[in-house]
Amino acid sequence: MADHNPVVLRTFDPDDHAAISAIVERTFDAGELPGRTRQDVRRFLDVLPGDPAGTLVVLVGGEVVGFATPFQQQLIVHPAHRRRGHGTRLVEAALAAARANEEPKLTLAPPPAATPPPAS
């Protein structure tokens, strides 16, 4: 099912914090952040974003559905919005920003459950 709402990619705004927190909490509660504790999630959210200009969010119809924060090496798209290219948009934008800042590399880690299985 295609999204019929406008898709916007932009940098983090403080008003995004609640939506990103909800996405991270939902992802943790679904068991998609193995090896992380509730305390790890709280610490992550307490320092979000460490780099507001480097933290990217993707919105669909004005709703934050995913984010990438290279500062903390994290990329998460809400499960209801996965497999629609939002993660790819975030990676491409983060990579472009890293190149523009002459960063030698970009490291992002999507939750393991968000990555597609290897092709057989």
C-alpha atoms as a PDB file:
ATOM      1  CA  MET A   1       0.000   0.000   0.000  1.00  0.00           C
ATOM      2  CA  ALA A   2       1.511   3.304  -1.060  1.00  0.00           C
ATOM      3  CA  ASP A   3       1.598   6.393   1.111  1.00  0.00           C
ATOM      4  CA  HIS A   4      -0.653   9.078  -0.353  1.00  0.00           C
ATOM      5  CA  ASN A   5       0.619  11.727   2.035  1.00  0.00           C
ATOM      6  CA  PRO A   6       3.601  13.935   1.307  1.00  0.00           C
ATOM      7  CA  VAL A   7       6.967  12.581   2.414  1.00  0.00           C
ATOM      8  CA  VAL A   8       9.367  15.123   3.904  1.00  0.00           C
ATOM      9  CA  LEU A   9      12.966  14.564   4.948  1.00  0.00           C
ATOM     10  CA  ARG A  10      14.511  17.213   7.187  1.00  0.00           C
ATOM     11  CA  THR A  11      16.766  17.773  10.178  1.00  0.00           C
ATOM     12  CA  PHE A  12      15.623  17.263  13.757  1.00  0.00           C
ATOM     13  CA  ASP A  13      13.404  19.834  15.416  1.00  0.00           C
ATOM     14  CA  PRO A  14      12.909  19.763  19.217  1.00  0.00           C
ATOM     15  CA  ASP A  15       9.194  19.130  18.587  1.00  0.00           C
ATOM     16  CA  ASP A  16      10.189  15.752  17.064  1.00  0.00           C
ATOM     17  CA  HIS A  17      11.461  14.373  20.372  1.00  0.00           C
ATOM     18  CA  ALA A  18       8.116  12.940  21.555  1.00  0.00           C
ATOM     19  CA  ALA A  19       7.455  11.173  18.244  1.00  0.00           C
ATOM     20  CA  ILE A  20      10.979   9.743  18.095  1.00  0.00           C
ATOM     21  CA  SER A  21      10.690   8.624  21.713  1.00  0.00           C
ATOM     22  CA  ALA A  22       7.468   6.784  20.898  1.00  0.00           C
ATOM     23  CA  ILE A  23       9.104   5.051  17.904  1.00  0.00           C
ATOM     24  CA  VAL A  24      12.133   3.997  19.969  1.00  0.00           C
ATOM     25  CA  GLU A  25       9.989   2.769  22.881  1.00  0.00           C
ATOM     26  CA  ARG A  26       7.742   0.796  20.502  1.00  0.00           C
ATOM     27  CA  THR A  27      10.771  -0.734  18.810  1.00  0.00           C
ATOM     28  CA  PHE A  28      12.277  -1.711  22.171  1.00  0.00           C
ATOM     29  CA  ASP A  29       8.980  -3.136  23.447  1.00  0.00           C
ATOM     30  CA  ALA A  30       8.725  -5.271  20.290  1.00  0.00           C
ATOM     31  CA  GLY A  31      12.096  -6.828  21.115  1.00  0.00           C
ATOM     32  CA  GLU A  32      13.787  -5.241  18.099  1.00  0.00           C
ATOM     33  CA  LEU A  33      16.704  -3.784  20.050  1.00  0.00           C
ATOM     34  CA  PRO A  34      18.394  -6.943  21.338  1.00  0.00           C
ATOM     35  CA  GLY A  35      21.104  -6.420  23.884  1.00  0.00           C
ATOM     36  CA  ARG A  36      19.642  -3.077  24.923  1.00  0.00           C
ATOM     37  CA  THR A  37      18.022  -2.463  28.277  1.00  0.00           C
ATOM     38  CA  ARG A  38      15.262  -0.022  29.194  1.00  0.00           C
ATOM     39  CA  GLN A  39      18.008   2.086  30.812  1.00  0.00           C
ATOM     40  CA  ASP A  40      19.947   2.104  27.506  1.00  0.00           C
ATOM     41  CA  VAL A  41      16.823   3.355  25.719  1.00  0.00           C
ATOM     42  CA  ARG A  42      16.292   6.099  28.298  1.00  0.00           C
ATOM     43  CA  ARG A  43      19.933   7.208  28.018  1.00  0.00           C
ATOM     44  CA  PHE A  44      19.621   7.271  24.231  1.00  0.00           C
ATOM     45  CA  LEU A  45      16.508   9.438  24.431  1.00  0.00           C
ATOM     46  CA  ASP A  46      18.039  11.723  27.077  1.00  0.00           C
ATOM     47  CA  VAL A  47      20.834  12.742  24.734  1.00  0.00           C
ATOM     48  CA  LEU A  48      18.763  12.805  21.543  1.00  0.00           C
ATOM     49  CA  PRO A  49      19.903  14.482  19.501  1.00  0.00           C
ATOM     50  CA  GLY A  50      23.530  14.955  20.307  1.00  0.00           C
ATOM     51  CA  ASP A  51      23.815  16.602  16.902  1.00  0.00           C
ATOM     52  CA  PRO A  52      20.486  18.243  15.921  1.00  0.00           C
ATOM     53  CA  ALA A  53      21.754  19.316  12.497  1.00  0.00           C
ATOM     54  CA  GLY A  54      23.013  15.776  11.838  1.00  0.00           C
ATOM     55  CA  THR A  55      19.877  14.001  13.024  1.00  0.00           C
ATOM     56  CA  LEU A  56      17.466  13.438  10.172  1.00  0.00           C
ATOM     57  CA  VAL A  57      13.761  12.683  10.363  1.00  0.00           C
ATOM     58  CA  VAL A  58      11.342  11.464   7.745  1.00  0.00           C
ATOM     59  CA  LEU A  59       7.714  12.538   7.959  1.00  0.00           C
ATOM     60  CA  VAL A  60       4.672  11.190   6.150  1.00  0.00           C
ATOM     61  CA  GLY A  61       1.681  13.489   6.151  1.00  0.00           C
ATOM     62  CA  GLY A  62       3.354  15.582   8.867  1.00  0.00           C
ATOM     63  CA  GLU A  63       3.932  12.577  11.180  1.00  0.00           C
ATOM     64  CA  VAL A  64       7.469  11.530  12.117  1.00  0.00           C
ATOM     65  CA  VAL A  65       7.833   7.912  10.973  1.00  0.00           C
ATOM     66  CA  GLY A  66      11.576   7.430  11.211  1.00  0.00           C
ATOM     67  CA  PHE A  67      14.924   8.980  12.031  1.00  0.00           C
ATOM     68  CA  ALA A  68      18.655   8.557  11.598  1.00  0.00           C
ATOM     69  CA  THR A  69      21.172   9.926  14.039  1.00  0.00           C
ATOM     70  CA  PRO A  70      24.745   9.165  12.986  1.00  0.00           C
ATOM     71  CA  PHE A  71      25.986  10.748  16.239  1.00  0.00           C
ATOM     72  CA  GLN A  72      24.503   7.713  18.021  1.00  0.00           C
ATOM     73  CA  GLN A  73      24.756   5.379  15.010  1.00  0.00           C
ATOM     74  CA  GLN A  74      21.024   4.640  14.997  1.00  0.00           C
ATOM     75  CA  LEU A  75      18.358   4.426  12.313  1.00  0.00           C
ATOM     76  CA  ILE A  76      14.776   3.384  13.062  1.00  0.00           C
ATOM     77  CA  VAL A  77      11.633   3.498  10.939  1.00  0.00           C
ATOM     78  CA  HIS A  78       8.287   2.806  12.588  1.00  0.00           C
ATOM     79  CA  PRO A  79       7.181  -0.739  11.676  1.00  0.00           C
ATOM     80  CA  ALA A  80       3.951   0.485  10.096  1.00  0.00           C
ATOM     81  CA  HIS A  81       6.015   2.547   7.638  1.00  0.00           C
ATOM     82  CA  ARG A  82       8.790   0.115   6.759  1.00  0.00           C
ATOM     83  CA  ARG A  83       9.458  -1.269   3.286  1.00  0.00           C
ATOM     84  CA  ARG A  84       8.427   2.018   1.649  1.00  0.00           C
ATOM     85  CA  GLY A  85      11.859   3.525   1.077  1.00  0.00           C
ATOM     86  CA  HIS A  86      11.989   5.709   4.183  1.00  0.00           C
ATOM     87  CA  GLY A  87      15.088   3.982   5.573  1.00  0.00           C
ATOM     88  CA  THR A  88      16.795   4.329   2.207  1.00  0.00           C
ATOM     89  CA  ARG A  89      15.939   8.042   2.128  1.00  0.00           C
ATOM     90  CA  LEU A  90      17.454   8.468   5.585  1.00  0.00           C
ATOM     91  CA  VAL A  91      20.635   6.567   4.695  1.00  0.00           C
ATOM     92  CA  GLU A  92      21.118   8.491   1.453  1.00  0.00           C
ATOM     93  CA  ALA A  93      20.627  11.840   3.196  1.00  0.00           C
ATOM     94  CA  ALA A  94      22.942  10.884   6.072  1.00  0.00           C
ATOM     95  CA  LEU A  95      25.576   9.731   3.587  1.00  0.00           C
ATOM     96  CA  ALA A  96      25.287  12.980   1.620  1.00  0.00           C
ATOM     97  CA  ALA A  97      25.672  14.976   4.844  1.00  0.00           C
ATOM     98  CA  ALA A  98      28.720  12.922   5.882  1.00  0.00           C
ATOM     99  CA  ARG A  99      30.330  13.518   2.488  1.00  0.00           C
ATOM    100  CA  ALA A 100      29.542  17.244   2.624  1.00  0.00           C
ATOM    101  CA  ASN A 101      31.229  17.391   6.046  1.00  0.00           C
ATOM    102  CA  GLU A 102      34.167  15.359   4.722  1.00  0.00           C
ATOM    103  CA  GLU A 103      33.468  12.597   7.228  1.00  0.00           C
ATOM    104  CA  PRO A 104      35.536   9.501   6.415  1.00  0.00           C
ATOM    105  CA  LYS A 105      32.661   7.108   7.068  1.00  0.00           C
ATOM    106  CA  LEU A 106      29.024   6.783   8.072  1.00  0.00           C
ATOM    107  CA  THR A 107      27.884   4.172  10.564  1.00  0.00           C
ATOM    108  CA  LEU A 108      24.170   3.519  11.123  1.00  0.00           C
ATOM    109  CA  ALA A 109      22.595   0.476  12.707  1.00  0.00           C
ATOM    110  CA  PRO A 110      18.959  -0.344  12.021  1.00  0.00           C
ATOM    111  CA  PRO A 111      17.257  -2.661  14.500  1.00  0.00           C
ATOM    112  CA  PRO A 112      17.974  -6.273  13.439  1.00  0.00           C
ATOM    113  CA  ALA A 113      14.278  -7.015  12.897  1.00  0.00           C
ATOM    114  CA  ALA A 114      14.041  -4.093  10.467  1.00  0.00           C
ATOM    115  CA  THR A 115      16.585  -5.509   8.059  1.00  0.00           C
ATOM    116  CA  PRO A 116      15.351  -7.820   5.330  1.00  0.00           C
ATOM    117  CA  PRO A 117      16.500 -11.434   5.392  1.00  0.00           C
ATOM    118  CA  PRO A 118      19.374 -12.300   3.070  1.00  0.00           C
ATOM    119  CA  ALA A 119      18.416 -13.384  -0.449  1.00  0.00           C
ATOM    120  CA  SER A 120      18.623 -17.094  -1.002  1.00  0.00           C
END
